[in-house]
Amino acid sequence: MATPQAPAKPILENFYSVAEAAIRLGLRDRDDDSKKGEKWLRDGVNLSGWPCHRLAGQLKFSDSDLAAIAEIHRNKVDGRSGPRRTRRTRKPSAGTPAQRAA
């Protein structure tokens, strides 16, 4: 017979606001008053389903959430980079519709 074990204590992580999460991810400096990185985080949560918590109507990120987001973007290639597409050229027209009908 198995011995009864004490219930495991819940592990509570540190939670950060969107502004604090942007600072922790290194998207901006602590003394910077801009909102750099905050829109990127909100869009990632709302459009791409990044990990987060919603506590009391606020968007919060735990340490493990930030680690998962950083892992998602580890060495990610920017979608705007890469070979340029060549322009398609139009075929020369055979004249106006009236000239083609004649």
PDB file of N, CA and C in Angstrom:
ATOM      1  N   MET A   1       0.830  -1.178   0.000  1.00  0.00           N
ATOM      2  CA  MET A   1       0.000   0.000   0.000  1.00  0.00           C
ATOM      3  C   MET A   1       0.880   1.250   0.000  1.00  0.00           C
ATOM      4  N   ALA A   2       0.519   2.241  -0.821  1.00  0.00           N
ATOM      5  CA  ALA A   2       1.308   3.468  -0.937  1.00  0.00           C
ATOM      6  C   ALA A   2       1.073   4.354   0.279  1.00  0.00           C
ATOM      7  N   THR A   3       2.127   5.008   0.679  1.00  0.00           N
ATOM      8  CA  THR A   3       1.990   5.923   1.813  1.00  0.00           C
ATOM      9  C   THR A   3       1.355   7.221   1.335  1.00  0.00           C
ATOM     10  N   PRO A   4       0.455   7.790   2.088  1.00  0.00           N
ATOM     11  CA  PRO A   4      -0.166   9.056   1.669  1.00  0.00           C
ATOM     12  C   PRO A   4       0.859  10.186   1.696  1.00  0.00           C
ATOM     13  N   GLN A   5       0.805  10.986   0.662  1.00  0.00           N
ATOM     14  CA  GLN A   5       1.729  12.108   0.568  1.00  0.00           C
ATOM     15  C   GLN A   5       0.990  13.394   0.881  1.00  0.00           C
ATOM     16  N   ALA A   6       1.732  14.326   1.400  1.00  0.00           N
ATOM     17  CA  ALA A   6       1.148  15.638   1.684  1.00  0.00           C
ATOM     18  C   ALA A   6       0.850  16.322   0.354  1.00  0.00           C
ATOM     19  N   PRO A   7      -0.230  17.093   0.290  1.00  0.00           N
ATOM     20  CA  PRO A   7      -0.523  17.792  -0.965  1.00  0.00           C
ATOM     21  C   PRO A   7       0.608  18.761  -1.324  1.00  0.00           C
ATOM     22  N   ALA A   8       0.899  18.816  -2.602  1.00  0.00           N
ATOM     23  CA  ALA A   8       1.977  19.689  -3.066  1.00  0.00           C
ATOM     24  C   ALA A   8       1.572  21.149  -2.906  1.00  0.00           C
ATOM     25  N   LYS A   9       2.519  21.940  -2.467  1.00  0.00           N
ATOM     26  CA  LYS A   9       2.262  23.372  -2.334  1.00  0.00           C
ATOM     27  C   LYS A   9       2.291  24.002  -3.721  1.00  0.00           C
ATOM     28  N   PRO A  10       1.366  24.889  -4.031  1.00  0.00           N
ATOM     29  CA  PRO A  10       1.395  25.522  -5.353  1.00  0.00           C
ATOM     30  C   PRO A  10       2.608  26.436  -5.486  1.00  0.00           C
ATOM     31  N   ILE A  11       3.167  26.426  -6.648  1.00  0.00           N
ATOM     32  CA  ILE A  11       4.321  27.280  -6.928  1.00  0.00           C
ATOM     33  C   ILE A  11       3.805  28.529  -7.611  1.00  0.00           C
ATOM     34  N   LEU A  12       4.001  29.650  -6.983  1.00  0.00           N
ATOM     35  CA  LEU A  12       3.536  30.915  -7.529  1.00  0.00           C
ATOM     36  C   LEU A  12       4.715  31.624  -8.180  1.00  0.00           C
ATOM     37  N   GLU A  13       4.540  31.985  -9.428  1.00  0.00           N
ATOM     38  CA  GLU A  13       5.581  32.680 -10.169  1.00  0.00           C
ATOM     39  C   GLU A  13       5.429  34.182  -9.993  1.00  0.00           C
ATOM     40  N   ASN A  14       6.452  34.897 -10.409  1.00  0.00           N
ATOM     41  CA  ASN A  14       6.364  36.350 -10.449  1.00  0.00           C
ATOM     42  C   ASN A  14       5.571  36.739 -11.685  1.00  0.00           C
ATOM     43  N   PHE A  15       4.702  37.725 -11.546  1.00  0.00           N
ATOM     44  CA  PHE A  15       3.917  38.217 -12.668  1.00  0.00           C
ATOM     45  C   PHE A  15       4.302  39.657 -12.961  1.00  0.00           C
ATOM     46  N   TYR A  16       4.305  40.000 -14.253  1.00  0.00           N
ATOM     47  CA  TYR A  16       4.736  41.318 -14.696  1.00  0.00           C
ATOM     48  C   TYR A  16       3.668  41.938 -15.579  1.00  0.00           C
ATOM     49  N   SER A  17       3.525  43.246 -15.479  1.00  0.00           N
ATOM     50  CA  SER A  17       2.622  43.963 -16.376  1.00  0.00           C
ATOM     51  C   SER A  17       3.242  43.988 -17.770  1.00  0.00           C
ATOM     52  N   VAL A  18       2.506  44.509 -18.727  1.00  0.00           N
ATOM     53  CA  VAL A  18       3.007  44.561 -20.098  1.00  0.00           C
ATOM     54  C   VAL A  18       4.267  45.427 -20.166  1.00  0.00           C
ATOM     55  N   ALA A  19       4.260  46.553 -19.469  1.00  0.00           N
ATOM     56  CA  ALA A  19       5.431  47.440 -19.474  1.00  0.00           C
ATOM     57  C   ALA A  19       6.635  46.756 -18.834  1.00  0.00           C
ATOM     58  N   GLU A  20       6.412  46.087 -17.705  1.00  0.00           N
ATOM     59  CA  GLU A  20       7.514  45.391 -17.042  1.00  0.00           C
ATOM     60  C   GLU A  20       8.019  44.222 -17.874  1.00  0.00           C
ATOM     61  N   ALA A  21       7.112  43.544 -18.574  1.00  0.00           N
ATOM     62  CA  ALA A  21       7.506  42.419 -19.425  1.00  0.00           C
ATOM     63  C   ALA A  21       8.371  42.903 -20.587  1.00  0.00           C
ATOM     64  N   ALA A  22       8.035  44.058 -21.156  1.00  0.00           N
ATOM     65  CA  ALA A  22       8.846  44.610 -22.246  1.00  0.00           C
ATOM     66  C   ALA A  22      10.262  44.906 -21.752  1.00  0.00           C
ATOM     67  N   ILE A  23      10.374  45.385 -20.531  1.00  0.00           N
ATOM     68  CA  ILE A  23      11.686  45.672 -19.959  1.00  0.00           C
ATOM     69  C   ILE A  23      12.446  44.374 -19.694  1.00  0.00           C
ATOM     70  N   ARG A  24      11.752  43.351 -19.137  1.00  0.00           N
ATOM     71  CA  ARG A  24      12.399  42.078 -18.827  1.00  0.00           C
ATOM     72  C   ARG A  24      12.886  41.363 -20.085  1.00  0.00           C
ATOM     73  N   LEU A  25      12.157  41.521 -21.194  1.00  0.00           N
ATOM     74  CA  LEU A  25      12.577  40.902 -22.449  1.00  0.00           C
ATOM     75  C   LEU A  25      13.669  41.700 -23.147  1.00  0.00           C
ATOM     76  N   GLY A  26      14.000  42.880 -22.632  1.00  0.00           N
ATOM     77  CA  GLY A  26      15.053  43.701 -23.217  1.00  0.00           C
ATOM     78  C   GLY A  26      14.588  44.496 -24.422  1.00  0.00           C
ATOM     79  N   LEU A  27      13.280  44.718 -24.542  1.00  0.00           N
ATOM     80  CA  LEU A  27      12.763  45.484 -25.668  1.00  0.00           C
ATOM     81  C   LEU A  27      12.945  46.984 -25.462  1.00  0.00           C
ATOM     82  N   ARG A  28      13.133  47.384 -24.230  1.00  0.00           N
ATOM     83  CA  ARG A  28      13.440  48.786 -23.925  1.00  0.00           C
ATOM     84  C   ARG A  28      14.131  48.850 -22.574  1.00  0.00           C
ATOM     85  N   ASP A  29      14.715  50.003 -22.269  1.00  0.00           N
ATOM     86  CA  ASP A  29      15.423  50.196 -21.005  1.00  0.00           C
ATOM     87  C   ASP A  29      14.454  50.625 -19.919  1.00  0.00           C
ATOM     88  N   ARG A  30      14.859  50.405 -18.682  1.00  0.00           N
ATOM     89  CA  ARG A  30      14.015  50.743 -17.541  1.00  0.00           C
ATOM     90  C   ARG A  30      13.751  52.254 -17.450  1.00  0.00           C
ATOM     91  N   ASP A  31      14.724  53.073 -17.825  1.00  0.00           N
ATOM     92  CA  ASP A  31      14.544  54.528 -17.724  1.00  0.00           C
ATOM     93  C   ASP A  31      13.851  55.130 -18.945  1.00  0.00           C
ATOM     94  N   ASP A  32      13.481  54.301 -19.921  1.00  0.00           N
ATOM     95  CA  ASP A  32      12.778  54.760 -21.124  1.00  0.00           C
ATOM     96  C   ASP A  32      11.283  54.851 -20.815  1.00  0.00           C
ATOM     97  N   ASP A  33      10.689  56.020 -21.043  1.00  0.00           N
ATOM     98  CA  ASP A  33       9.271  56.218 -20.737  1.00  0.00           C
ATOM     99  C   ASP A  33       8.355  55.893 -21.912  1.00  0.00           C
ATOM    100  N   SER A  34       8.916  55.460 -23.037  1.00  0.00           N
ATOM    101  CA  SER A  34       8.086  55.155 -24.204  1.00  0.00           C
ATOM    102  C   SER A  34       7.344  53.842 -23.974  1.00  0.00           C
ATOM    103  N   LYS A  35       6.509  53.499 -24.901  1.00  0.00           N
ATOM    104  CA  LYS A  35       5.747  52.251 -24.817  1.00  0.00           C
ATOM    105  C   LYS A  35       6.309  51.213 -25.790  1.00  0.00           C
ATOM    106  N   LYS A  36       7.590  51.340 -26.107  1.00  0.00           N
ATOM    107  CA  LYS A  36       8.232  50.444 -27.061  1.00  0.00           C
ATOM    108  C   LYS A  36       8.134  48.996 -26.583  1.00  0.00           C
ATOM    109  N   GLY A  37       7.671  48.114 -27.444  1.00  0.00           N
ATOM    110  CA  GLY A  37       7.572  46.698 -27.124  1.00  0.00           C
ATOM    111  C   GLY A  37       6.223  46.273 -26.579  1.00  0.00           C
ATOM    112  N   GLU A  38       5.439  47.210 -26.045  1.00  0.00           N
ATOM    113  CA  GLU A  38       4.151  46.856 -25.442  1.00  0.00           C
ATOM    114  C   GLU A  38       3.142  46.433 -26.500  1.00  0.00           C
ATOM    115  N   LYS A  39       3.079  47.152 -27.613  1.00  0.00           N
ATOM    116  CA  LYS A  39       2.133  46.797 -28.678  1.00  0.00           C
ATOM    117  C   LYS A  39       2.503  45.444 -29.270  1.00  0.00           C
ATOM    118  N   TRP A  40       3.787  45.185 -29.424  1.00  0.00           N
ATOM    119  CA  TRP A  40       4.253  43.909 -29.951  1.00  0.00           C
ATOM    120  C   TRP A  40       3.797  42.762 -29.055  1.00  0.00           C
ATOM    121  N   LEU A  41       3.905  42.951 -27.731  1.00  0.00           N
ATOM    122  CA  LEU A  41       3.470  41.918 -26.796  1.00  0.00           C
ATOM    123  C   LEU A  41       1.952  41.730 -26.847  1.00  0.00           C
ATOM    124  N   ARG A  42       1.204  42.830 -26.828  1.00  0.00           N
ATOM    125  CA  ARG A  42      -0.263  42.726 -26.877  1.00  0.00           C
ATOM    126  C   ARG A  42      -0.731  42.072 -28.170  1.00  0.00           C
ATOM    127  N   ASP A  43      -0.143  42.470 -29.298  1.00  0.00           N
ATOM    128  CA  ASP A  43      -0.518  41.875 -30.573  1.00  0.00           C
ATOM    129  C   ASP A  43      -0.174  40.387 -30.612  1.00  0.00           C
ATOM    130  N   GLY A  44       0.945  40.028 -30.038  1.00  0.00           N
ATOM    131  CA  GLY A  44       1.333  38.618 -30.008  1.00  0.00           C
ATOM    132  C   GLY A  44       0.355  37.774 -29.214  1.00  0.00           C
ATOM    133  N   VAL A  45      -0.125  38.319 -28.112  1.00  0.00           N
ATOM    134  CA  VAL A  45      -1.099  37.602 -27.297  1.00  0.00           C
ATOM    135  C   VAL A  45      -2.436  37.512 -28.019  1.00  0.00           C
ATOM    136  N   ASN A  46      -2.903  38.642 -28.539  1.00  0.00           N
ATOM    137  CA  ASN A  46      -4.236  38.691 -29.133  1.00  0.00           C
ATOM    138  C   ASN A  46      -4.311  38.052 -30.512  1.00  0.00           C
ATOM    139  N   LEU A  47      -3.257  38.132 -31.300  1.00  0.00           N
ATOM    140  CA  LEU A  47      -3.304  37.634 -32.676  1.00  0.00           C
ATOM    141  C   LEU A  47      -2.625  36.280 -32.848  1.00  0.00           C
ATOM    142  N   SER A  48      -1.588  36.018 -32.075  1.00  0.00           N
ATOM    143  CA  SER A  48      -0.825  34.782 -32.262  1.00  0.00           C
ATOM    144  C   SER A  48      -0.986  33.788 -31.124  1.00  0.00           C
ATOM    145  N   GLY A  49      -1.672  34.171 -30.076  1.00  0.00           N
ATOM    146  CA  GLY A  49      -1.922  33.235 -28.976  1.00  0.00           C
ATOM    147  C   GLY A  49      -0.730  32.963 -28.086  1.00  0.00           C
ATOM    148  N   TRP A  50       0.147  33.967 -27.901  1.00  0.00           N
ATOM    149  CA  TRP A  50       1.287  33.781 -27.014  1.00  0.00           C
ATOM    150  C   TRP A  50       0.809  33.530 -25.594  1.00  0.00           C
ATOM    151  N   PRO A  51       1.611  32.850 -24.781  1.00  0.00           N
ATOM    152  CA  PRO A  51       1.213  32.557 -23.406  1.00  0.00           C
ATOM    153  C   PRO A  51       1.146  33.819 -22.546  1.00  0.00           C
ATOM    154  N   CYS A  52       0.114  33.895 -21.727  1.00  0.00           N
ATOM    155  CA  CYS A  52      -0.067  35.026 -20.827  1.00  0.00           C
ATOM    156  C   CYS A  52      -1.113  34.653 -19.787  1.00  0.00           C
ATOM    157  N   HIS A  53      -1.354  35.546 -18.864  1.00  0.00           N
ATOM    158  CA  HIS A  53      -2.415  35.398 -17.874  1.00  0.00           C
ATOM    159  C   HIS A  53      -3.246  36.668 -17.890  1.00  0.00           C
ATOM    160  N   ARG A  54      -4.513  36.526 -17.667  1.00  0.00           N
ATOM    161  CA  ARG A  54      -5.385  37.692 -17.515  1.00  0.00           C
ATOM    162  C   ARG A  54      -5.879  37.669 -16.076  1.00  0.00           C
ATOM    163  N   LEU A  55      -5.362  38.573 -15.286  1.00  0.00           N
ATOM    164  CA  LEU A  55      -5.690  38.660 -13.866  1.00  0.00           C
ATOM    165  C   LEU A  55      -6.378  39.987 -13.592  1.00  0.00           C
ATOM    166  N   ALA A  56      -7.579  39.933 -13.078  1.00  0.00           N
ATOM    167  CA  ALA A  56      -8.350  41.136 -12.733  1.00  0.00           C
ATOM    168  C   ALA A  56      -8.475  42.074 -13.935  1.00  0.00           C
ATOM    169  N   GLY A  57      -8.681  41.497 -15.103  1.00  0.00           N
ATOM    170  CA  GLY A  57      -8.860  42.296 -16.306  1.00  0.00           C
ATOM    171  C   GLY A  57      -7.583  42.889 -16.861  1.00  0.00           C
ATOM    172  N   GLN A  58      -6.444  42.473 -16.358  1.00  0.00           N
ATOM    173  CA  GLN A  58      -5.158  42.994 -16.832  1.00  0.00           C
ATOM    174  C   GLN A  58      -4.347  41.878 -17.460  1.00  0.00           C
ATOM    175  N   LEU A  59      -3.573  42.225 -18.448  1.00  0.00           N
ATOM    176  CA  LEU A  59      -2.693  41.278 -19.113  1.00  0.00           C
ATOM    177  C   LEU A  59      -1.405  41.178 -18.301  1.00  0.00           C
ATOM    178  N   LYS A  60      -1.083  39.977 -17.850  1.00  0.00           N
ATOM    179  CA  LYS A  60       0.119  39.751 -17.042  1.00  0.00           C
ATOM    180  C   LYS A  60       0.933  38.616 -17.644  1.00  0.00           C
ATOM    181  N   PHE A  61       2.232  38.688 -17.460  1.00  0.00           N
ATOM    182  CA  PHE A  61       3.150  37.673 -17.963  1.00  0.00           C
ATOM    183  C   PHE A  61       3.940  37.103 -16.800  1.00  0.00           C
ATOM    184  N   SER A  62       4.033  35.787 -16.724  1.00  0.00           N
ATOM    185  CA  SER A  62       4.853  35.146 -15.701  1.00  0.00           C
ATOM    186  C   SER A  62       6.251  34.916 -16.270  1.00  0.00           C
ATOM    187  N   ASP A  63       7.153  34.459 -15.408  1.00  0.00           N
ATOM    188  CA  ASP A  63       8.517  34.172 -15.856  1.00  0.00           C
ATOM    189  C   ASP A  63       8.508  33.094 -16.942  1.00  0.00           C
ATOM    190  N   SER A  64       7.678  32.061 -16.758  1.00  0.00           N
ATOM    191  CA  SER A  64       7.638  30.993 -17.758  1.00  0.00           C
ATOM    192  C   SER A  64       6.990  31.470 -19.057  1.00  0.00           C
ATOM    193  N   ASP A  65       6.029  32.401 -18.983  1.00  0.00           N
ATOM    194  CA  ASP A  65       5.440  32.984 -20.195  1.00  0.00           C
ATOM    195  C   ASP A  65       6.502  33.734 -20.994  1.00  0.00           C
ATOM    196  N   LEU A  66       7.297  34.545 -20.309  1.00  0.00           N
ATOM    197  CA  LEU A  66       8.342  35.320 -20.990  1.00  0.00           C
ATOM    198  C   LEU A  66       9.404  34.399 -21.592  1.00  0.00           C
ATOM    199  N   ALA A  67       9.717  33.303 -20.888  1.00  0.00           N
ATOM    200  CA  ALA A  67      10.689  32.351 -21.427  1.00  0.00           C
ATOM    201  C   ALA A  67      10.142  31.683 -22.687  1.00  0.00           C
ATOM    202  N   ALA A  68       8.852  31.355 -22.696  1.00  0.00           N
ATOM    203  CA  ALA A  68       8.243  30.732 -23.871  1.00  0.00           C
ATOM    204  C   ALA A  68       8.214  31.701 -25.050  1.00  0.00           C
ATOM    205  N   ILE A  69       7.897  32.966 -24.793  1.00  0.00           N
ATOM    206  CA  ILE A  69       7.876  33.973 -25.865  1.00  0.00           C
ATOM    207  C   ILE A  69       9.280  34.154 -26.433  1.00  0.00           C
ATOM    208  N   ALA A  70      10.278  34.206 -25.559  1.00  0.00           N
ATOM    209  CA  ALA A  70      11.660  34.348 -26.023  1.00  0.00           C
ATOM    210  C   ALA A  70      12.073  33.135 -26.855  1.00  0.00           C
ATOM    211  N   GLU A  71      11.626  31.948 -26.471  1.00  0.00           N
ATOM    212  CA  GLU A  71      11.965  30.743 -27.218  1.00  0.00           C
ATOM    213  C   GLU A  71      11.289  30.726 -28.585  1.00  0.00           C
ATOM    214  N   ILE A  72      10.063  31.235 -28.662  1.00  0.00           N
ATOM    215  CA  ILE A  72       9.350  31.311 -29.934  1.00  0.00           C
ATOM    216  C   ILE A  72      10.137  32.163 -30.925  1.00  0.00           C
ATOM    217  N   HIS A  73      10.766  33.213 -30.436  1.00  0.00           N
ATOM    218  CA  HIS A  73      11.449  34.162 -31.306  1.00  0.00           C
ATOM    219  C   HIS A  73      12.957  33.983 -31.318  1.00  0.00           C
ATOM    220  N   ARG A  74      13.429  32.858 -30.841  1.00  0.00           N
ATOM    221  CA  ARG A  74      14.862  32.595 -30.845  1.00  0.00           C
ATOM    222  C   ARG A  74      15.322  32.382 -32.282  1.00  0.00           C
ATOM    223  N   ASN A  75      16.219  33.227 -32.744  1.00  0.00           N
ATOM    224  CA  ASN A  75      16.787  33.162 -34.094  1.00  0.00           C
ATOM    225  C   ASN A  75      15.718  33.184 -35.186  1.00  0.00           C
ATOM    226  N   LYS A  76      14.619  33.840 -34.942  1.00  0.00           N
ATOM    227  CA  LYS A  76      13.557  33.907 -35.937  1.00  0.00           C
ATOM    228  C   LYS A  76      13.954  34.889 -37.033  1.00  0.00           C
ATOM    229  N   VAL A  77      13.739  34.481 -38.261  1.00  0.00           N
ATOM    230  CA  VAL A  77      14.072  35.320 -39.407  1.00  0.00           C
ATOM    231  C   VAL A  77      12.945  36.323 -39.596  1.00  0.00           C
ATOM    232  N   ASP A  78      13.328  37.551 -39.824  1.00  0.00           N
ATOM    233  CA  ASP A  78      12.348  38.600 -40.067  1.00  0.00           C
ATOM    234  C   ASP A  78      11.636  38.314 -41.378  1.00  0.00           C
ATOM    235  N   GLY A  79      10.320  38.376 -41.376  1.00  0.00           N
ATOM    236  CA  GLY A  79       9.541  38.081 -42.569  1.00  0.00           C
ATOM    237  C   GLY A  79       9.769  39.066 -43.689  1.00  0.00           C
ATOM    238  N   ARG A  80      10.312  40.225 -43.360  1.00  0.00           N
ATOM    239  CA  ARG A  80      10.552  41.241 -44.392  1.00  0.00           C
ATOM    240  C   ARG A  80      11.868  41.035 -45.111  1.00  0.00           C
ATOM    241  N   SER A  81      12.720  40.169 -44.588  1.00  0.00           N
ATOM    242  CA  SER A  81      14.014  39.973 -45.228  1.00  0.00           C
ATOM    243  C   SER A  81      13.929  38.841 -46.241  1.00  0.00           C
ATOM    244  N   GLY A  82      14.939  38.686 -47.024  1.00  0.00           N
ATOM    245  CA  GLY A  82      14.970  37.618 -48.008  1.00  0.00           C
ATOM    246  C   GLY A  82      15.136  38.181 -49.403  1.00  0.00           C
ATOM    247  N   PRO A  83      15.122  37.307 -50.377  1.00  0.00           N
ATOM    248  CA  PRO A  83      15.311  37.778 -51.747  1.00  0.00           C
ATOM    249  C   PRO A  83      14.146  38.642 -52.201  1.00  0.00           C
ATOM    250  N   ARG A  84      14.466  39.632 -52.993  1.00  0.00           N
ATOM    251  CA  ARG A  84      13.431  40.523 -53.510  1.00  0.00           C
ATOM    252  C   ARG A  84      12.726  39.861 -54.672  1.00  0.00           C
ATOM    253  N   ARG A  85      11.471  40.109 -54.747  1.00  0.00           N
ATOM    254  CA  ARG A  85      10.705  39.580 -55.872  1.00  0.00           C
ATOM    255  C   ARG A  85      10.904  40.497 -57.069  1.00  0.00           C
ATOM    256  N   THR A  86      10.971  39.895 -58.220  1.00  0.00           N
ATOM    257  CA  THR A  86      11.109  40.704 -59.423  1.00  0.00           C
ATOM    258  C   THR A  86       9.729  41.164 -59.859  1.00  0.00           C
ATOM    259  N   ARG A  87       9.712  42.292 -60.482  1.00  0.00           N
ATOM    260  CA  ARG A  87       8.433  42.818 -60.970  1.00  0.00           C
ATOM    261  C   ARG A  87       8.009  42.062 -62.213  1.00  0.00           C
ATOM    262  N   ARG A  88       6.731  41.792 -62.259  1.00  0.00           N
ATOM    263  CA  ARG A  88       6.212  41.181 -63.473  1.00  0.00           C
ATOM    264  C   ARG A  88       6.014  42.284 -64.506  1.00  0.00           C
ATOM    265  N   THR A  89       6.414  42.007 -65.705  1.00  0.00           N
ATOM    266  CA  THR A  89       6.216  42.992 -66.770  1.00  0.00           C
ATOM    267  C   THR A  89       4.957  42.629 -67.542  1.00  0.00           C
ATOM    268  N   ARG A  90       4.266  43.625 -67.964  1.00  0.00           N
ATOM    269  CA  ARG A  90       3.049  43.390 -68.744  1.00  0.00           C
ATOM    270  C   ARG A  90       3.407  43.048 -70.168  1.00  0.00           C
ATOM    271  N   LYS A  91       2.563  42.229 -70.745  1.00  0.00           N
ATOM    272  CA  LYS A  91       2.743  41.924 -72.160  1.00  0.00           C
ATOM    273  C   LYS A  91       2.362  43.160 -72.959  1.00  0.00           C
ATOM    274  N   PRO A  92       3.065  43.425 -74.022  1.00  0.00           N
ATOM    275  CA  PRO A  92       2.683  44.595 -74.823  1.00  0.00           C
ATOM    276  C   PRO A  92       1.289  44.377 -75.415  1.00  0.00           C
ATOM    277  N   SER A  93       0.502  45.416 -75.352  1.00  0.00           N
ATOM    278  CA  SER A  93      -0.862  45.298 -75.860  1.00  0.00           C
ATOM    279  C   SER A  93      -0.851  45.337 -77.378  1.00  0.00           C
ATOM    280  N   ALA A  94      -1.902  44.787 -77.924  1.00  0.00           N
ATOM    281  CA  ALA A  94      -2.017  44.746 -79.383  1.00  0.00           C
ATOM    282  C   ALA A  94      -2.745  45.976 -79.899  1.00  0.00           C
ATOM    283  N   GLY A  95      -2.756  47.027 -79.139  1.00  0.00           N
ATOM    284  CA  GLY A  95      -3.443  48.253 -79.552  1.00  0.00           C
ATOM    285  C   GLY A  95      -4.735  48.431 -78.772  1.00  0.00           C
ATOM    286  N   THR A  96      -5.477  49.403 -79.160  1.00  0.00           N
ATOM    287  CA  THR A  96      -6.756  49.683 -78.500  1.00  0.00           C
ATOM    288  C   THR A  96      -7.781  48.658 -78.939  1.00  0.00           C
ATOM    289  N   PRO A  97      -8.873  48.492 -78.205  1.00  0.00           N
ATOM    290  CA  PRO A  97      -9.901  47.537 -78.616  1.00  0.00           C
ATOM    291  C   PRO A  97     -10.449  47.811 -80.018  1.00  0.00           C
ATOM    292  N   ALA A  98     -10.518  49.080 -80.396  1.00  0.00           N
ATOM    293  CA  ALA A  98     -11.008  49.406 -81.737  1.00  0.00           C
ATOM    294  C   ALA A  98     -10.024  48.923 -82.797  1.00  0.00           C
ATOM    295  N   GLN A  99      -8.719  49.044 -82.539  1.00  0.00           N
ATOM    296  CA  GLN A  99      -7.724  48.603 -83.502  1.00  0.00           C
ATOM    297  C   GLN A  99      -7.725  47.079 -83.619  1.00  0.00           C
ATOM    298  N   ARG A 100      -7.985  46.377 -82.484  1.00  0.00           N
ATOM    299  CA  ARG A 100      -8.004  44.917 -82.512  1.00  0.00           C
ATOM    300  C   ARG A 100      -9.232  44.392 -83.257  1.00  0.00           C
ATOM    301  N   ALA A 101     -10.344  45.120 -83.167  1.00  0.00           N
ATOM    302  CA  ALA A 101     -11.560  44.691 -83.837  1.00  0.00           C
ATOM    303  C   ALA A 101     -11.464  44.860 -85.346  1.00  0.00           C
ATOM    304  N   ALA A 102     -10.654  45.770 -85.810  1.00  0.00           N
ATOM    305  CA  ALA A 102     -10.578  46.066 -87.254  1.00  0.00           C
ATOM    306  C   ALA A 102      -9.731  45.104 -88.020  1.00  0.00           C
TER     307      ALA A 102
END
